[in-house]
């Protein structure tokens, strides 16, 4: 039983170090990096739970964290790509709205000139 507690403590410390280390970065995490961190933590937790059922919580956590890292990074990458597409679309929308407003003002000026 003591070995199981040691493994759980090591797993908890590893997850805390990963999360704590990522929070201490000088720049904000990208969506891909956030996905990787969350995936790693979730994978380690689920792996430890599944592994503890077979008596190998440490191995389960290690394998789970690797699988979670990969899955989280892939999902985060997809989300980041969507964010980038949305940002481009938002820029295009704002440019179009600015052009419409410019043309509206121009039409108003032309109408005022015709009235005189």
C-alpha atoms as a PDB file:
ATOM      1  CA  UNK A   1       0.000   0.000   0.000  1.00  0.00           C
ATOM      2  CA  UNK A   2       2.853   2.380   0.751  1.00  0.00           C
ATOM      3  CA  UNK A   3       4.215   2.016  -2.801  1.00  0.00           C
ATOM      4  CA  UNK A   4       0.800   2.964  -4.212  1.00  0.00           C
ATOM      5  CA  UNK A   5       0.716   6.127  -2.113  1.00  0.00           C
ATOM      6  CA  UNK A   6       4.205   7.061  -3.268  1.00  0.00           C
ATOM      7  CA  UNK A   7       3.207   6.612  -6.901  1.00  0.00           C
ATOM      8  CA  UNK A   8       0.092   8.710  -6.436  1.00  0.00           C
ATOM      9  CA  UNK A   9       2.115  11.422  -4.743  1.00  0.00           C
ATOM     10  CA  UNK A  10       4.645  11.431  -7.579  1.00  0.00           C
ATOM     11  CA  UNK A  11       1.851  11.564 -10.152  1.00  0.00           C
ATOM     12  CA  UNK A  12       0.161  14.431  -8.343  1.00  0.00           C
ATOM     13  CA  UNK A  13       3.426  16.340  -8.067  1.00  0.00           C
ATOM     14  CA  UNK A  14       4.189  15.770 -11.757  1.00  0.00           C
ATOM     15  CA  UNK A  15       0.775  17.041 -12.814  1.00  0.00           C
ATOM     16  CA  UNK A  16       1.081  20.047 -10.499  1.00  0.00           C
ATOM     17  CA  UNK A  17       4.536  20.843 -11.872  1.00  0.00           C
ATOM     18  CA  UNK A  18       3.253  20.645 -15.450  1.00  0.00           C
ATOM     19  CA  UNK A  19       0.289  22.880 -14.738  1.00  0.00           C
ATOM     20  CA  UNK A  20       2.247  25.230 -12.489  1.00  0.00           C
ATOM     21  CA  UNK A  21       5.083  25.481 -14.973  1.00  0.00           C
ATOM     22  CA  UNK A  22       2.725  26.325 -17.780  1.00  0.00           C
ATOM     23  CA  UNK A  23       1.011  29.002 -15.696  1.00  0.00           C
ATOM     24  CA  UNK A  24       4.348  30.645 -14.956  1.00  0.00           C
ATOM     25  CA  UNK A  25       5.196  31.273 -18.606  1.00  0.00           C
ATOM     26  CA  UNK A  26       6.082  34.835 -19.571  1.00  0.00           C
ATOM     27  CA  UNK A  27       3.653  34.815 -22.498  1.00  0.00           C
ATOM     28  CA  UNK A  28       0.104  33.503 -22.579  1.00  0.00           C
ATOM     29  CA  UNK A  29      -0.341  29.899 -23.620  1.00  0.00           C
ATOM     30  CA  UNK A  30      -1.647  29.242 -27.099  1.00  0.00           C
ATOM     31  CA  UNK A  31      -4.815  27.227 -27.512  1.00  0.00           C
ATOM     32  CA  UNK A  32      -2.674  24.295 -28.669  1.00  0.00           C
ATOM     33  CA  UNK A  33      -0.550  24.503 -25.513  1.00  0.00           C
ATOM     34  CA  UNK A  34      -3.608  24.769 -23.275  1.00  0.00           C
ATOM     35  CA  UNK A  35      -5.041  21.677 -24.956  1.00  0.00           C
ATOM     36  CA  UNK A  36      -1.786  19.811 -24.399  1.00  0.00           C
ATOM     37  CA  UNK A  37      -1.692  20.733 -20.700  1.00  0.00           C
ATOM     38  CA  UNK A  38      -5.321  19.795 -20.102  1.00  0.00           C
ATOM     39  CA  UNK A  39      -4.935  16.588 -22.111  1.00  0.00           C
ATOM     40  CA  UNK A  40      -1.811  15.601 -20.200  1.00  0.00           C
ATOM     41  CA  UNK A  41      -3.437  16.198 -16.826  1.00  0.00           C
ATOM     42  CA  UNK A  42      -6.659  14.432 -17.782  1.00  0.00           C
ATOM     43  CA  UNK A  43      -4.776  11.536 -19.367  1.00  0.00           C
ATOM     44  CA  UNK A  44      -2.558  11.116 -16.315  1.00  0.00           C
ATOM     45  CA  UNK A  45      -5.557  11.134 -13.997  1.00  0.00           C
ATOM     46  CA  UNK A  46      -7.573   8.679 -16.063  1.00  0.00           C
ATOM     47  CA  UNK A  47      -4.520   6.504 -16.645  1.00  0.00           C
ATOM     48  CA  UNK A  48      -3.822   6.390 -12.917  1.00  0.00           C
ATOM     49  CA  UNK A  49      -7.419   5.429 -12.164  1.00  0.00           C
ATOM     50  CA  UNK A  50      -7.460   2.702 -14.791  1.00  0.00           C
ATOM     51  CA  UNK A  51      -3.942   1.568 -13.875  1.00  0.00           C
ATOM     52  CA  UNK A  52      -4.775   1.378 -10.168  1.00  0.00           C
ATOM     53  CA  UNK A  53      -7.466  -1.180 -10.966  1.00  0.00           C
ATOM     54  CA  UNK A  54      -4.723  -3.462 -12.262  1.00  0.00           C
ATOM     55  CA  UNK A  55      -2.153  -2.459  -9.660  1.00  0.00           C
ATOM     56  CA  UNK A  56      -0.089  -0.270 -12.020  1.00  0.00           C
ATOM     57  CA  UNK A  57      -1.223   3.273 -11.314  1.00  0.00           C
ATOM     58  CA  UNK A  58       2.167   4.793 -12.171  1.00  0.00           C
ATOM     59  CA  UNK A  59       2.404   3.068 -15.531  1.00  0.00           C
ATOM     60  CA  UNK A  60      -1.223   3.934 -16.262  1.00  0.00           C
ATOM     61  CA  UNK A  61      -0.608   7.579 -15.433  1.00  0.00           C
ATOM     62  CA  UNK A  62       2.494   7.694 -17.603  1.00  0.00           C
ATOM     63  CA  UNK A  63       0.802   6.097 -20.582  1.00  0.00           C
ATOM     64  CA  UNK A  64      -2.354   8.145 -20.039  1.00  0.00           C
ATOM     65  CA  UNK A  65      -0.412  11.390 -19.861  1.00  0.00           C
ATOM     66  CA  UNK A  66       1.334  10.658 -23.168  1.00  0.00           C
ATOM     67  CA  UNK A  67      -1.925   9.775 -24.881  1.00  0.00           C
ATOM     68  CA  UNK A  68      -3.607  12.814 -23.302  1.00  0.00           C
ATOM     69  CA  UNK A  69      -0.759  15.067 -24.403  1.00  0.00           C
ATOM     70  CA  UNK A  70      -1.114  13.950 -28.007  1.00  0.00           C
ATOM     71  CA  UNK A  71      -4.903  14.137 -28.034  1.00  0.00           C
ATOM     72  CA  UNK A  72      -4.982  17.472 -26.225  1.00  0.00           C
ATOM     73  CA  UNK A  73      -2.416  19.001 -28.571  1.00  0.00           C
ATOM     74  CA  UNK A  74      -4.347  17.791 -31.635  1.00  0.00           C
ATOM     75  CA  UNK A  75      -7.637  19.155 -30.346  1.00  0.00           C
ATOM     76  CA  UNK A  76      -5.966  22.408 -29.270  1.00  0.00           C
ATOM     77  CA  UNK A  77      -4.372  22.730 -32.700  1.00  0.00           C
ATOM     78  CA  UNK A  78      -7.741  22.358 -34.407  1.00  0.00           C
ATOM     79  CA  UNK A  79      -9.301  24.946 -32.091  1.00  0.00           C
ATOM     80  CA  UNK A  80      -6.381  27.313 -32.663  1.00  0.00           C
ATOM     81  CA  UNK A  81      -6.810  26.973 -36.422  1.00  0.00           C
ATOM     82  CA  UNK A  82     -10.493  27.841 -36.087  1.00  0.00           C
ATOM     83  CA  UNK A  83      -9.626  30.875 -33.953  1.00  0.00           C
ATOM     84  CA  UNK A  84      -7.219  32.074 -36.637  1.00  0.00           C
ATOM     85  CA  UNK A  85      -9.849  31.653 -39.362  1.00  0.00           C
ATOM     86  CA  UNK A  86     -12.376  33.563 -37.251  1.00  0.00           C
ATOM     87  CA  UNK A  87      -9.864  36.368 -36.673  1.00  0.00           C
ATOM     88  CA  UNK A  88      -9.256  36.719 -40.420  1.00  0.00           C
ATOM     89  CA  UNK A  89     -12.995  36.715 -41.085  1.00  0.00           C
ATOM     90  CA  UNK A  90     -13.543  39.342 -38.385  1.00  0.00           C
ATOM     91  CA  UNK A  91     -10.871  41.565 -39.950  1.00  0.00           C
ATOM     92  CA  UNK A  92     -12.493  41.191 -43.354  1.00  0.00           C
ATOM     93  CA  UNK A  93     -15.906  42.021 -41.894  1.00  0.00           C
ATOM     94  CA  UNK A  94     -14.563  45.150 -40.208  1.00  0.00           C
ATOM     95  CA  UNK A  95     -12.877  46.267 -43.432  1.00  0.00           C
ATOM     96  CA  UNK A  96     -16.102  45.724 -45.365  1.00  0.00           C
ATOM     97  CA  UNK A  97     -18.116  47.656 -42.788  1.00  0.00           C
ATOM     98  CA  UNK A  98     -15.619  50.525 -42.913  1.00  0.00           C
ATOM     99  CA  UNK A  99     -15.846  50.589 -46.721  1.00  0.00           C
ATOM    100  CA  UNK A 100     -19.654  50.610 -46.604  1.00  0.00           C
ATOM    101  CA  UNK A 101     -19.572  53.491 -44.136  1.00  0.00           C
ATOM    102  CA  UNK A 102     -17.120  55.401 -46.334  1.00  0.00           C
ATOM    103  CA  UNK A 103     -19.351  54.892 -49.376  1.00  0.00           C
ATOM    104  CA  UNK A 104     -22.429  55.943 -47.386  1.00  0.00           C
ATOM    105  CA  UNK A 105     -20.741  59.216 -46.431  1.00  0.00           C
ATOM    106  CA  UNK A 106     -19.697  59.761 -50.037  1.00  0.00           C
ATOM    107  CA  UNK A 107     -23.275  59.227 -51.235  1.00  0.00           C
ATOM    108  CA  UNK A 108     -24.534  61.713 -48.642  1.00  0.00           C
ATOM    109  CA  UNK A 109     -22.010  64.298 -49.843  1.00  0.00           C
ATOM    110  CA  UNK A 110     -23.072  63.780 -53.464  1.00  0.00           C
ATOM    111  CA  UNK A 111     -26.731  64.097 -52.503  1.00  0.00           C
ATOM    112  CA  UNK A 112     -26.048  67.342 -50.654  1.00  0.00           C
ATOM    113  CA  UNK A 113     -24.222  68.742 -53.690  1.00  0.00           C
ATOM    114  CA  UNK A 114     -27.202  67.890 -55.933  1.00  0.00           C
ATOM    115  CA  UNK A 115     -29.573  69.695 -53.565  1.00  0.00           C
ATOM    116  CA  UNK A 116     -27.636  72.953 -53.931  1.00  0.00           C
END
